[in-house]
C-alpha atoms as a PDB file:
ATOM      1  CA  MET A   1     -18.211  -6.352  -0.754  1.00  0.00           C
ATOM      2  CA  THR A   2     -20.291  -4.342  -2.905  1.00  0.00           C
ATOM      3  CA  LYS A   3     -18.187  -1.988  -5.135  1.00  0.00           C
ATOM      4  CA  GLY A   4     -15.604  -3.219  -6.707  1.00  0.00           C
ATOM      5  CA  PHE A   5     -12.022  -1.711  -5.422  1.00  0.00           C
ATOM      6  CA  ALA A   6     -11.465   1.020  -7.333  1.00  0.00           C
ATOM      7  CA  GLN A   7     -14.529   2.713  -6.106  1.00  0.00           C
ATOM      8  CA  ARG A   8     -13.735   1.893  -2.840  1.00  0.00           C
ATOM      9  CA  LEU A   9     -10.354   3.155  -2.933  1.00  0.00           C
ATOM     10  CA  PHE A  10     -11.521   6.376  -4.613  1.00  0.00           C
ATOM     11  CA  ALA A  11     -14.716   7.326  -2.713  1.00  0.00           C
ATOM     12  CA  ALA A  12     -12.262   7.314   0.365  1.00  0.00           C
ATOM     13  CA  VAL A  13      -9.587   9.082  -1.738  1.00  0.00           C
ATOM     14  CA  ASP A  14     -12.898  11.678  -2.069  1.00  0.00           C
ATOM     15  CA  ALA A  15     -14.246  11.683   1.709  1.00  0.00           C
ATOM     16  CA  LYS A  16     -10.718  12.192   3.155  1.00  0.00           C
ATOM     17  CA  ARG A  17      -9.835  14.480   0.879  1.00  0.00           C
ATOM     18  CA  SER A  18      -6.638  12.904   0.891  1.00  0.00           C
ATOM     19  CA  ALA A  19      -4.582  10.582  -1.685  1.00  0.00           C
ATOM     20  CA  ALA A  20      -1.726   9.721   0.783  1.00  0.00           C
ATOM     21  CA  MET A  21      -1.445   6.200   2.389  1.00  0.00           C
ATOM     22  CA  VAL A  22       0.586   5.096   5.298  1.00  0.00           C
ATOM     23  CA  GLY A  23       3.039   2.166   5.354  1.00  0.00           C
ATOM     24  CA  LEU A  24       2.503   0.099   8.137  1.00  0.00           C
ATOM     25  CA  ASP A  25       6.572  -1.129   8.526  1.00  0.00           C
ATOM     26  CA  PRO A  26       6.889  -1.915  12.534  1.00  0.00           C
ATOM     27  CA  ARG A  27      10.336  -2.253  13.166  1.00  0.00           C
ATOM     28  CA  LEU A  28      10.655  -2.511  16.602  1.00  0.00           C
ATOM     29  CA  GLU A  29      13.868  -0.378  17.317  1.00  0.00           C
ATOM     30  CA  GLN A  30      12.315   2.970  15.707  1.00  0.00           C
ATOM     31  CA  LEU A  31       8.580   3.126  17.551  1.00  0.00           C
ATOM     32  CA  PRO A  32       7.622   5.492  19.693  1.00  0.00           C
ATOM     33  CA  GLU A  33       8.469   5.114  23.263  1.00  0.00           C
ATOM     34  CA  PRO A  34       6.446   3.717  25.390  1.00  0.00           C
ATOM     35  CA  PHE A  35       5.810   1.342  22.509  1.00  0.00           C
ATOM     36  CA  ARG A  36       9.926   0.751  22.178  1.00  0.00           C
ATOM     37  CA  ALA A  37      10.849  -0.271  25.658  1.00  0.00           C
ATOM     38  CA  ARG A  38       8.245  -3.152  26.010  1.00  0.00           C
ATOM     39  CA  ALA A  39       8.332  -4.503  21.775  1.00  0.00           C
ATOM     40  CA  LEU A  40      11.906  -4.650  22.991  1.00  0.00           C
ATOM     41  CA  THR A  41      12.194  -6.114  26.533  1.00  0.00           C
ATOM     42  CA  GLY A  42       9.998  -9.707  25.742  1.00  0.00           C
ATOM     43  CA  GLY A  43      10.013 -12.282  23.173  1.00  0.00           C
ATOM     44  CA  ALA A  44       7.393 -12.724  20.593  1.00  0.00           C
ATOM     45  CA  ASP A  45       4.625 -12.072  22.152  1.00  0.00           C
ATOM     46  CA  ALA A  46       5.677  -9.127  24.567  1.00  0.00           C
ATOM     47  CA  ALA A  47       6.713  -7.135  20.890  1.00  0.00           C
ATOM     48  CA  ALA A  48       3.289  -8.065  19.631  1.00  0.00           C
ATOM     49  CA  ASN A  49       1.397  -6.659  22.135  1.00  0.00           C
ATOM     50  CA  ALA A  50       3.608  -3.469  21.491  1.00  0.00           C
ATOM     51  CA  LEU A  51       2.453  -3.077  17.886  1.00  0.00           C
ATOM     52  CA  ARG A  52      -1.097  -4.191  18.882  1.00  0.00           C
ATOM     53  CA  GLU A  53      -1.268  -1.101  21.202  1.00  0.00           C
ATOM     54  CA  TRP A  54       1.081   1.321  18.871  1.00  0.00           C
ATOM     55  CA  HIS A  55      -1.218   0.744  15.727  1.00  0.00           C
ATOM     56  CA  ARG A  56      -4.034   1.190  16.807  1.00  0.00           C
ATOM     57  CA  ALA A  57      -3.040   4.266  19.170  1.00  0.00           C
ATOM     58  CA  LEU A  58      -1.864   5.427  15.761  1.00  0.00           C
ATOM     59  CA  LEU A  59      -4.436   4.371  13.633  1.00  0.00           C
ATOM     60  CA  ASP A  60      -6.489   7.031  15.192  1.00  0.00           C
ATOM     61  CA  VAL A  61      -4.069  10.073  14.473  1.00  0.00           C
ATOM     62  CA  ILE A  62      -4.233   9.161  10.984  1.00  0.00           C
ATOM     63  CA  ALA A  63      -7.279   8.252   9.905  1.00  0.00           C
ATOM     64  CA  PRO A  64      -8.799  11.704   9.097  1.00  0.00           C
ATOM     65  CA  LEU A  65      -5.682  12.727   6.332  1.00  0.00           C
ATOM     66  CA  THR A  66      -5.618   8.778   5.295  1.00  0.00           C
ATOM     67  CA  PRO A  67      -8.024   6.555   2.911  1.00  0.00           C
ATOM     68  CA  ALA A  68      -5.743   3.539   3.269  1.00  0.00           C
ATOM     69  CA  VAL A  69      -3.380   1.784   4.482  1.00  0.00           C
ATOM     70  CA  LYS A  70      -0.428  -0.493   3.476  1.00  0.00           C
ATOM     71  CA  PRO A  71       0.708  -3.021   6.241  1.00  0.00           C
ATOM     72  CA  GLN A  72       4.076  -4.827   4.983  1.00  0.00           C
ATOM     73  CA  ALA A  73       3.549  -8.650   6.114  1.00  0.00           C
ATOM     74  CA  ALA A  74       6.887  -9.140   6.366  1.00  0.00           C
ATOM     75  CA  PHE A  75       7.552  -6.781   9.626  1.00  0.00           C
ATOM     76  CA  PHE A  76       4.088  -8.763  11.438  1.00  0.00           C
ATOM     77  CA  GLU A  77       5.258 -12.316  10.026  1.00  0.00           C
ATOM     78  CA  ARG A  78       9.165 -12.531  11.459  1.00  0.00           C
ATOM     79  CA  LEU A  79       6.976 -12.504  14.692  1.00  0.00           C
ATOM     80  CA  GLY A  80       5.573 -15.812  13.722  1.00  0.00           C
ATOM     81  CA  ALA A  81       1.968 -16.265  15.217  1.00  0.00           C
ATOM     82  CA  PRO A  82       2.401 -13.519  17.898  1.00  0.00           C
ATOM     83  CA  GLY A  83       2.824 -11.085  14.892  1.00  0.00           C
ATOM     84  CA  ILE A  84       0.425 -12.452  12.463  1.00  0.00           C
ATOM     85  CA  ALA A  85      -2.173 -11.900  15.248  1.00  0.00           C
ATOM     86  CA  ALA A  86      -1.048  -7.953  15.768  1.00  0.00           C
ATOM     87  CA  LEU A  87      -1.874  -7.667  12.055  1.00  0.00           C
ATOM     88  CA  ALA A  88      -4.865  -9.099  12.345  1.00  0.00           C
ATOM     89  CA  ASP A  89      -5.658  -6.755  14.443  1.00  0.00           C
ATOM     90  CA  ALA A  90      -4.448  -3.922  12.784  1.00  0.00           C
ATOM     91  CA  VAL A  91      -6.652  -4.459   9.527  1.00  0.00           C
ATOM     92  CA  GLU A  92      -9.077  -5.224  11.645  1.00  0.00           C
ATOM     93  CA  GLN A  93      -9.259  -1.706  13.637  1.00  0.00           C
ATOM     94  CA  ALA A  94      -8.424   0.104  10.322  1.00  0.00           C
ATOM     95  CA  HIS A  95     -11.480  -1.067   8.485  1.00  0.00           C
ATOM     96  CA  ALA A  96     -13.337   0.091  12.502  1.00  0.00           C
ATOM     97  CA  ARG A  97     -11.998   3.352  11.019  1.00  0.00           C
ATOM     98  CA  GLU A  98     -13.198   3.507   7.998  1.00  0.00           C
ATOM     99  CA  ILE A  99      -9.526   3.135   6.547  1.00  0.00           C
ATOM    100  CA  LEU A 100      -8.887   0.438   3.467  1.00  0.00           C
ATOM    101  CA  VAL A 101      -5.934  -2.130   3.713  1.00  0.00           C
ATOM    102  CA  VAL A 102      -3.421  -3.065   1.058  1.00  0.00           C
ATOM    103  CA  MET A 103      -1.259  -6.175   2.181  1.00  0.00           C
ATOM    104  CA  ASP A 104       1.819  -5.324   0.930  1.00  0.00           C
ATOM    105  CA  ALA A 105       3.130  -9.237   0.826  1.00  0.00           C
ATOM    106  CA  LYS A 106       4.087  -9.502  -2.967  1.00  0.00           C
ATOM    107  CA  ARG A 107       2.999 -12.975  -3.481  1.00  0.00           C
ATOM    108  CA  GLY A 108       3.553 -14.864  -6.503  1.00  0.00           C
ATOM    109  CA  ASP A 109       4.261 -17.899  -7.450  1.00  0.00           C
ATOM    110  CA  ILE A 110       2.798 -20.696 -10.062  1.00  0.00           C
ATOM    111  CA  GLY A 111      -0.287 -23.591 -10.068  1.00  0.00           C
ATOM    112  CA  SER A 112      -1.831 -24.873  -7.139  1.00  0.00           C
ATOM    113  CA  THR A 113       0.998 -22.873  -4.954  1.00  0.00           C
ATOM    114  CA  ALA A 114      -0.556 -19.271  -6.774  1.00  0.00           C
ATOM    115  CA  GLU A 115      -3.760 -20.896  -5.747  1.00  0.00           C
ATOM    116  CA  ALA A 116      -3.020 -21.786  -2.054  1.00  0.00           C
ATOM    117  CA  TYR A 117      -2.112 -18.026  -1.487  1.00  0.00           C
ATOM    118  CA  ALA A 118      -4.833 -16.166  -3.249  1.00  0.00           C
ATOM    119  CA  GLU A 119      -6.843 -18.456  -1.288  1.00  0.00           C
ATOM    120  CA  ALA A 120      -5.215 -17.440   1.486  1.00  0.00           C
ATOM    121  CA  TRP A 121      -5.171 -13.525   1.534  1.00  0.00           C
ATOM    122  CA  LEU A 122      -8.154 -13.019  -0.926  1.00  0.00           C
ATOM    123  CA  GLY A 123      -9.950 -15.715  -0.770  1.00  0.00           C
ATOM    124  CA  GLY A 124     -10.641 -15.925   2.728  1.00  0.00           C
ATOM    125  CA  GLY A 125      -8.582 -19.283   3.423  1.00  0.00           C
ATOM    126  CA  HIS A 126      -9.478 -22.427   4.016  1.00  0.00           C
ATOM    127  CA  GLY A 127     -12.456 -23.350   6.115  1.00  0.00           C
ATOM    128  CA  GLY A 128     -12.802 -20.277   7.889  1.00  0.00           C
ATOM    129  CA  HIS A 129      -9.008 -19.737   8.848  1.00  0.00           C
ATOM    130  CA  ALA A 130      -7.705 -16.879   6.880  1.00  0.00           C
ATOM    131  CA  LEU A 131      -5.328 -14.442   7.154  1.00  0.00           C
ATOM    132  CA  PRO A 132      -6.335 -10.937   7.776  1.00  0.00           C
ATOM    133  CA  ARG A 133      -8.783  -9.192   5.450  1.00  0.00           C
ATOM    134  CA  SER A 134      -7.537  -7.079   3.313  1.00  0.00           C
ATOM    135  CA  ASP A 135      -9.032  -4.457   0.157  1.00  0.00           C
ATOM    136  CA  ALA A 136      -6.040  -5.301  -1.696  1.00  0.00           C
ATOM    137  CA  LEU A 137      -2.660  -7.322  -2.510  1.00  0.00           C
ATOM    138  CA  THR A 138       0.668  -6.088  -3.689  1.00  0.00           C
ATOM    139  CA  VAL A 139       1.485  -9.200  -6.226  1.00  0.00           C
ATOM    140  CA  ASN A 140       4.820 -10.275  -8.181  1.00  0.00           C
ATOM    141  CA  PRO A 141       4.082 -10.817 -12.348  1.00  0.00           C
ATOM    142  CA  TYR A 142       7.501 -11.309 -13.011  1.00  0.00           C
ATOM    143  CA  LEU A 143       7.094 -15.244 -13.005  1.00  0.00           C
ATOM    144  CA  GLY A 144       4.952 -15.309 -15.864  1.00  0.00           C
ATOM    145  CA  GLU A 145       1.211 -15.021 -16.569  1.00  0.00           C
ATOM    146  CA  ASP A 146      -0.223 -18.319 -14.872  1.00  0.00           C
ATOM    147  CA  ALA A 147       1.312 -16.750 -11.302  1.00  0.00           C
ATOM    148  CA  CYS A 148      -1.079 -14.494 -11.830  1.00  0.00           C
ATOM    149  CA  GLU A 149      -4.223 -15.964 -13.372  1.00  0.00           C
ATOM    150  CA  PRO A 150      -5.162 -16.744  -9.540  1.00  0.00           C
ATOM    151  CA  PHE A 151      -5.060 -13.151  -7.947  1.00  0.00           C
ATOM    152  CA  LEU A 152      -7.535 -12.449 -10.986  1.00  0.00           C
ATOM    153  CA  ALA A 153      -9.792 -15.087 -10.202  1.00  0.00           C
ATOM    154  CA  ALA A 154      -9.745 -14.258  -6.392  1.00  0.00           C
ATOM    155  CA  ALA A 155     -10.073 -10.354  -6.944  1.00  0.00           C
ATOM    156  CA  LYS A 156     -12.836 -10.688  -9.027  1.00  0.00           C
ATOM    157  CA  SER A 157     -14.689 -12.995  -7.203  1.00  0.00           C
ATOM    158  CA  SER A 158     -14.014 -11.217  -3.861  1.00  0.00           C
ATOM    159  CA  GLY A 159     -14.299  -7.634  -5.459  1.00  0.00           C
ATOM    160  CA  ALA A 160     -10.323  -7.047  -3.772  1.00  0.00           C
ATOM    161  CA  GLY A 161      -8.656  -5.241  -5.985  1.00  0.00           C
ATOM    162  CA  LEU A 162      -4.762  -6.022  -7.121  1.00  0.00           C
ATOM    163  CA  PHE A 163      -1.547  -4.017  -7.175  1.00  0.00           C
ATOM    164  CA  PHE A 164       1.091  -5.550  -9.442  1.00  0.00           C
ATOM    165  CA  LEU A 165       5.056  -5.130  -9.129  1.00  0.00           C
ATOM    166  CA  VAL A 166       5.578  -3.536 -12.858  1.00  0.00           C
ATOM    167  CA  LYS A 167       8.532  -0.720 -11.847  1.00  0.00           C
ATOM    168  CA  THR A 168       9.483  -1.110  -8.108  1.00  0.00           C
ATOM    169  CA  SER A 169      11.398   2.118  -6.070  1.00  0.00           C
ATOM    170  CA  ASN A 170      14.605   0.167  -5.147  1.00  0.00           C
ATOM    171  CA  PRO A 171      18.038   1.723  -6.565  1.00  0.00           C
ATOM    172  CA  GLY A 172      18.415  -1.938  -8.346  1.00  0.00           C
ATOM    173  CA  ALA A 173      14.938  -2.716 -10.286  1.00  0.00           C
ATOM    174  CA  GLY A 174      16.765  -1.149 -13.253  1.00  0.00           C
ATOM    175  CA  THR A 175      18.938  -4.240 -13.649  1.00  0.00           C
ATOM    176  CA  PHE A 176      15.925  -6.516 -14.843  1.00  0.00           C
ATOM    177  CA  GLN A 177      13.230  -4.317 -15.252  1.00  0.00           C
ATOM    178  CA  ASP A 178      15.032  -1.969 -17.438  1.00  0.00           C
ATOM    179  CA  HIS A 179      16.460  -4.931 -19.751  1.00  0.00           C
ATOM    180  CA  GLY A 180      15.082  -5.141 -23.392  1.00  0.00           C
ATOM    181  CA  THR A 181      13.538  -3.406 -26.406  1.00  0.00           C
ATOM    182  CA  PRO A 182      10.874  -2.732 -25.222  1.00  0.00           C
ATOM    183  CA  PRO A 183      11.885  -2.634 -21.259  1.00  0.00           C
ATOM    184  CA  LEU A 184      10.456  -5.943 -19.424  1.00  0.00           C
ATOM    185  CA  ALA A 185       9.075  -3.484 -16.777  1.00  0.00           C
ATOM    186  CA  GLU A 186       6.560  -1.982 -19.957  1.00  0.00           C
ATOM    187  CA  VAL A 187       5.729  -5.085 -21.179  1.00  0.00           C
ATOM    188  CA  VAL A 188       4.616  -6.167 -18.014  1.00  0.00           C
ATOM    189  CA  ALA A 189       2.702  -2.351 -17.821  1.00  0.00           C
ATOM    190  CA  LEU A 190       0.626  -3.591 -21.098  1.00  0.00           C
ATOM    191  CA  ARG A 191      -0.444  -6.808 -19.478  1.00  0.00           C
ATOM    192  CA  VAL A 192      -1.986  -5.553 -16.766  1.00  0.00           C
ATOM    193  CA  CYS A 193      -3.935  -3.519 -18.980  1.00  0.00           C
ATOM    194  CA  ALA A 194      -4.605  -5.751 -20.607  1.00  0.00           C
ATOM    195  CA  TRP A 195      -5.712  -7.286 -17.141  1.00  0.00           C
ATOM    196  CA  GLY A 196      -7.632  -4.886 -15.675  1.00  0.00           C
ATOM    197  CA  GLU A 197      -9.911  -3.880 -18.402  1.00  0.00           C
ATOM    198  CA  ALA A 198     -12.258  -7.107 -17.417  1.00  0.00           C
ATOM    199  CA  LEU A 199     -12.438  -5.345 -14.388  1.00  0.00           C
ATOM    200  CA  ARG A 200     -12.801  -2.027 -14.546  1.00  0.00           C
ATOM    201  CA  ASN A 201     -16.323  -0.864 -13.041  1.00  0.00           C
ATOM    202  CA  ALA A 202     -18.527   2.470 -12.291  1.00  0.00           C
ATOM    203  CA  SER A 203     -15.138   4.585 -10.862  1.00  0.00           C
ATOM    204  CA  GLY A 204     -13.722   4.330 -14.456  1.00  0.00           C
ATOM    205  CA  TRP A 205     -11.060   2.677 -12.821  1.00  0.00           C
ATOM    206  CA  SER A 206      -9.516  -0.623 -13.205  1.00  0.00           C
ATOM    207  CA  ASP A 207      -9.658  -3.148  -9.717  1.00  0.00           C
ATOM    208  CA  VAL A 208      -6.142  -4.331 -10.887  1.00  0.00           C
ATOM    209  CA  GLY A 209      -3.617  -1.596 -10.135  1.00  0.00           C
ATOM    210  CA  ALA A 210       0.329  -0.978 -10.598  1.00  0.00           C
ATOM    211  CA  VAL A 211       2.978  -0.547  -8.025  1.00  0.00           C
ATOM    212  CA  VAL A 212       5.017   2.933  -9.983  1.00  0.00           C
ATOM    213  CA  GLY A 213       7.980   4.100  -7.402  1.00  0.00           C
ATOM    214  CA  ALA A 214       7.696   7.552  -6.501  1.00  0.00           C
ATOM    215  CA  THR A 215      11.087   7.073  -7.148  1.00  0.00           C
ATOM    216  CA  ARG A 216      10.603   7.590 -10.900  1.00  0.00           C
ATOM    217  CA  PRO A 217       8.541  10.402 -11.887  1.00  0.00           C
ATOM    218  CA  GLU A 218      10.393  10.532 -15.099  1.00  0.00           C
ATOM    219  CA  GLU A 219       8.952   7.845 -16.171  1.00  0.00           C
ATOM    220  CA  LEU A 220       5.529   7.985 -14.677  1.00  0.00           C
ATOM    221  CA  ALA A 221       3.758   9.696 -18.050  1.00  0.00           C
ATOM    222  CA  ARG A 222       4.867   6.728 -20.360  1.00  0.00           C
ATOM    223  CA  PHE A 223       3.111   4.539 -17.423  1.00  0.00           C
ATOM    224  CA  ARG A 224      -0.119   6.171 -17.624  1.00  0.00           C
ATOM    225  CA  ALA A 225      -0.046   6.049 -21.618  1.00  0.00           C
ATOM    226  CA  LEU A 226       0.234   2.705 -21.049  1.00  0.00           C
ATOM    227  CA  MET A 227      -1.900   1.984 -18.429  1.00  0.00           C
ATOM    228  CA  PRO A 228      -4.528   5.075 -18.961  1.00  0.00           C
ATOM    229  CA  HIS A 229      -7.430   3.486 -16.229  1.00  0.00           C
ATOM    230  CA  THR A 230      -5.192   2.037 -14.020  1.00  0.00           C
ATOM    231  CA  PRO A 231      -4.499   2.961 -10.485  1.00  0.00           C
ATOM    232  CA  PHE A 232      -1.094   3.148  -9.074  1.00  0.00           C
ATOM    233  CA  LEU A 233       0.587   2.507  -5.824  1.00  0.00           C
ATOM    234  CA  LEU A 234       3.198   5.154  -5.977  1.00  0.00           C
ATOM    235  CA  PRO A 235       5.886   3.912  -3.044  1.00  0.00           C
ATOM    236  CA  GLY A 236       8.507   5.650  -1.589  1.00  0.00           C
ATOM    237  CA  TYR A 237       7.900   8.986  -0.541  1.00  0.00           C
ATOM    238  CA  GLY A 238       9.965  10.707   2.122  1.00  0.00           C
ATOM    239  CA  ALA A 239      12.277   8.354   3.477  1.00  0.00           C
ATOM    240  CA  GLN A 240      13.347   7.303   0.228  1.00  0.00           C
ATOM    241  CA  GLY A 241      13.743  10.115  -1.517  1.00  0.00           C
ATOM    242  CA  ALA A 242      10.361  10.947  -3.227  1.00  0.00           C
ATOM    243  CA  THR A 243       8.855  14.206  -3.188  1.00  0.00           C
ATOM    244  CA  ALA A 244       4.998  15.114  -5.004  1.00  0.00           C
ATOM    245  CA  ALA A 245       7.123  16.895  -7.746  1.00  0.00           C
ATOM    246  CA  GLY A 246       6.512  15.297 -10.886  1.00  0.00           C
ATOM    247  CA  LEU A 247       3.544  13.245  -9.795  1.00  0.00           C
ATOM    248  CA  ALA A 248       0.871  14.876 -11.596  1.00  0.00           C
ATOM    249  CA  PRO A 249       0.651  12.387 -14.924  1.00  0.00           C
ATOM    250  CA  ALA A 250      -0.394   9.720 -12.444  1.00  0.00           C
ATOM    251  CA  PHE A 251      -4.022  11.626 -11.255  1.00  0.00           C
ATOM    252  CA  ASP A 252      -6.454  12.470 -13.323  1.00  0.00           C
ATOM    253  CA  ALA A 253      -8.064  16.103 -13.049  1.00  0.00           C
ATOM    254  CA  GLN A 254     -10.351  14.805 -10.411  1.00  0.00           C
ATOM    255  CA  GLY A 255      -7.417  14.062  -8.256  1.00  0.00           C
ATOM    256  CA  HIS A 256      -7.994  10.067  -9.133  1.00  0.00           C
ATOM    257  CA  GLY A 257      -5.791   7.592 -10.883  1.00  0.00           C
ATOM    258  CA  ALA A 258      -2.796   7.475  -7.818  1.00  0.00           C
ATOM    259  CA  ILE A 259      -2.293   6.833  -4.005  1.00  0.00           C
ATOM    260  CA  VAL A 260       0.968   8.153  -2.648  1.00  0.00           C
ATOM    261  CA  ASN A 261       2.858   5.416   0.395  1.00  0.00           C
ATOM    262  CA  ALA A 262       5.178   6.882   2.689  1.00  0.00           C
ATOM    263  CA  SER A 263       6.478   4.536   5.593  1.00  0.00           C
ATOM    264  CA  ARG A 264       9.204   6.344   7.764  1.00  0.00           C
ATOM    265  CA  SER A 265       8.749   9.817   7.365  1.00  0.00           C
ATOM    266  CA  VAL A 266       5.471   9.638   9.054  1.00  0.00           C
ATOM    267  CA  LEU A 267       5.850   6.388  11.622  1.00  0.00           C
ATOM    268  CA  ASN A 268       9.480   8.240  12.533  1.00  0.00           C
ATOM    269  CA  ALA A 269       8.062  11.686  12.347  1.00  0.00           C
ATOM    270  CA  HIS A 270       8.626  11.661  16.559  1.00  0.00           C
ATOM    271  CA  ALA A 271      12.203  11.639  16.119  1.00  0.00           C
ATOM    272  CA  ARG A 272      12.476  14.660  13.460  1.00  0.00           C
ATOM    273  CA  ALA A 273      14.616  17.231  14.511  1.00  0.00           C
ATOM    274  CA  ASP A 274      12.474  20.251  13.039  1.00  0.00           C
ATOM    275  CA  LEU A 275       9.369  18.472  14.732  1.00  0.00           C
ATOM    276  CA  GLN A 276      10.681  18.583  17.852  1.00  0.00           C
ATOM    277  CA  HIS A 277       8.970  21.193  19.182  1.00  0.00           C
ATOM    278  CA  LEU A 278       5.794  19.570  19.099  1.00  0.00           C
ATOM    279  CA  SER A 279       4.594  17.462  21.862  1.00  0.00           C
ATOM    280  CA  GLY A 280       4.277  13.796  21.893  1.00  0.00           C
ATOM    281  CA  TRP A 281       4.582  11.867  19.144  1.00  0.00           C
ATOM    282  CA  GLU A 282       0.833  11.706  17.934  1.00  0.00           C
ATOM    283  CA  THR A 283       1.290  15.515  17.039  1.00  0.00           C
ATOM    284  CA  ARG A 284       4.646  15.137  14.808  1.00  0.00           C
ATOM    285  CA  THR A 285       3.149  11.705  13.284  1.00  0.00           C
ATOM    286  CA  GLU A 286       0.079  14.008  12.596  1.00  0.00           C
ATOM    287  CA  ALA A 287       1.734  16.905  11.707  1.00  0.00           C
ATOM    288  CA  ALA A 288       4.340  14.985   9.115  1.00  0.00           C
ATOM    289  CA  LEU A 289       1.064  13.706   7.479  1.00  0.00           C
ATOM    290  CA  ARG A 290      -0.261  16.703   7.401  1.00  0.00           C
ATOM    291  CA  GLU A 291       2.306  17.782   5.178  1.00  0.00           C
ATOM    292  CA  MET A 292       2.677  14.986   2.928  1.00  0.00           C
ATOM    293  CA  VAL A 293      -0.980  15.396   1.786  1.00  0.00           C
ATOM    294  CA  GLU A 294      -0.420  19.612   1.009  1.00  0.00           C
ATOM    295  CA  ASP A 295       3.107  18.877  -0.705  1.00  0.00           C
ATOM    296  CA  LEU A 296       0.680  16.571  -2.831  1.00  0.00           C
ATOM    297  CA  ARG A 297      -1.999  18.548  -3.604  1.00  0.00           C
ATOM    298  CA  ALA A 298       0.581  21.286  -4.219  1.00  0.00           C
ATOM    299  CA  ALA A 299       1.594  19.143  -6.914  1.00  0.00           C
ATOM    300  CA  THR A 300      -0.901  17.302  -8.327  1.00  0.00           C
ATOM    301  CA  SER A 301      -4.842  17.061  -8.960  1.00  0.00           C
ATOM    302  CA  ALA A 302      -4.904  15.388  -5.491  1.00  0.00           C
ATOM    303  CA  PRO A 303      -8.146  16.231  -3.570  1.00  0.00           C
ATOM    304  CA  ARG A 304      -8.489  19.550  -1.679  1.00  0.00           C
END
């Protein structure tokens, strides 16, 4: 990788004129036909083959409109080795279509375990037996700084990006993340900002990013003040209730600084009642994603 992750991310945002990311969260029972039937009528091999076919078709549809995808590793891991093979294929096919890949694995542990996770997901694996090589990885920092150091070292050596969980989009996040004065999430935000200073590049942004829920737009200005050079991954758009309204503080004047993720609202567009007048799951998926792109352009400085 000749350029840092942030440079590559925002170059892709400019090229696609879009700050919309699509989460690859393949729930077998919610796939469009004919992939759903193929996934549910056999074992793990059949399901993985169906996912492989679906993701290739899906990536063809979304490639013109999204700079990045975010595979959720859990949905592939539950299928065992066939699922990991399908995940590897999705990563490879995304890259072939000039789409960056942020692996949503939320890894985090201490000592040699953290080193092993970092090597597996960012460092090429042991003896060339690597997991799918992604452009960035989500990491859980709440185990402490020593749990984060191996990921930071791997990102620095490989040119990859990291997105540390700071304030997540789930309803119960505040139970712990809001605890204390200042709130724990703000303490983590300051550390993420500090870690990222060593990995700022020509884009002006760091390769060390933060996950901040799009479901909490009232907090975005505060987190941006705490992390002025940190790319934000904003999950929760669509099915979790977030819209583009209130997301503007995450972006700079050039439309850089954030990528907004939607999963179910795009992946399940084939079942949306208001899109049934459109023919085929591909057309409905494209319409849902284009709707998101335009929503972001209207409410933020996302590229037009």
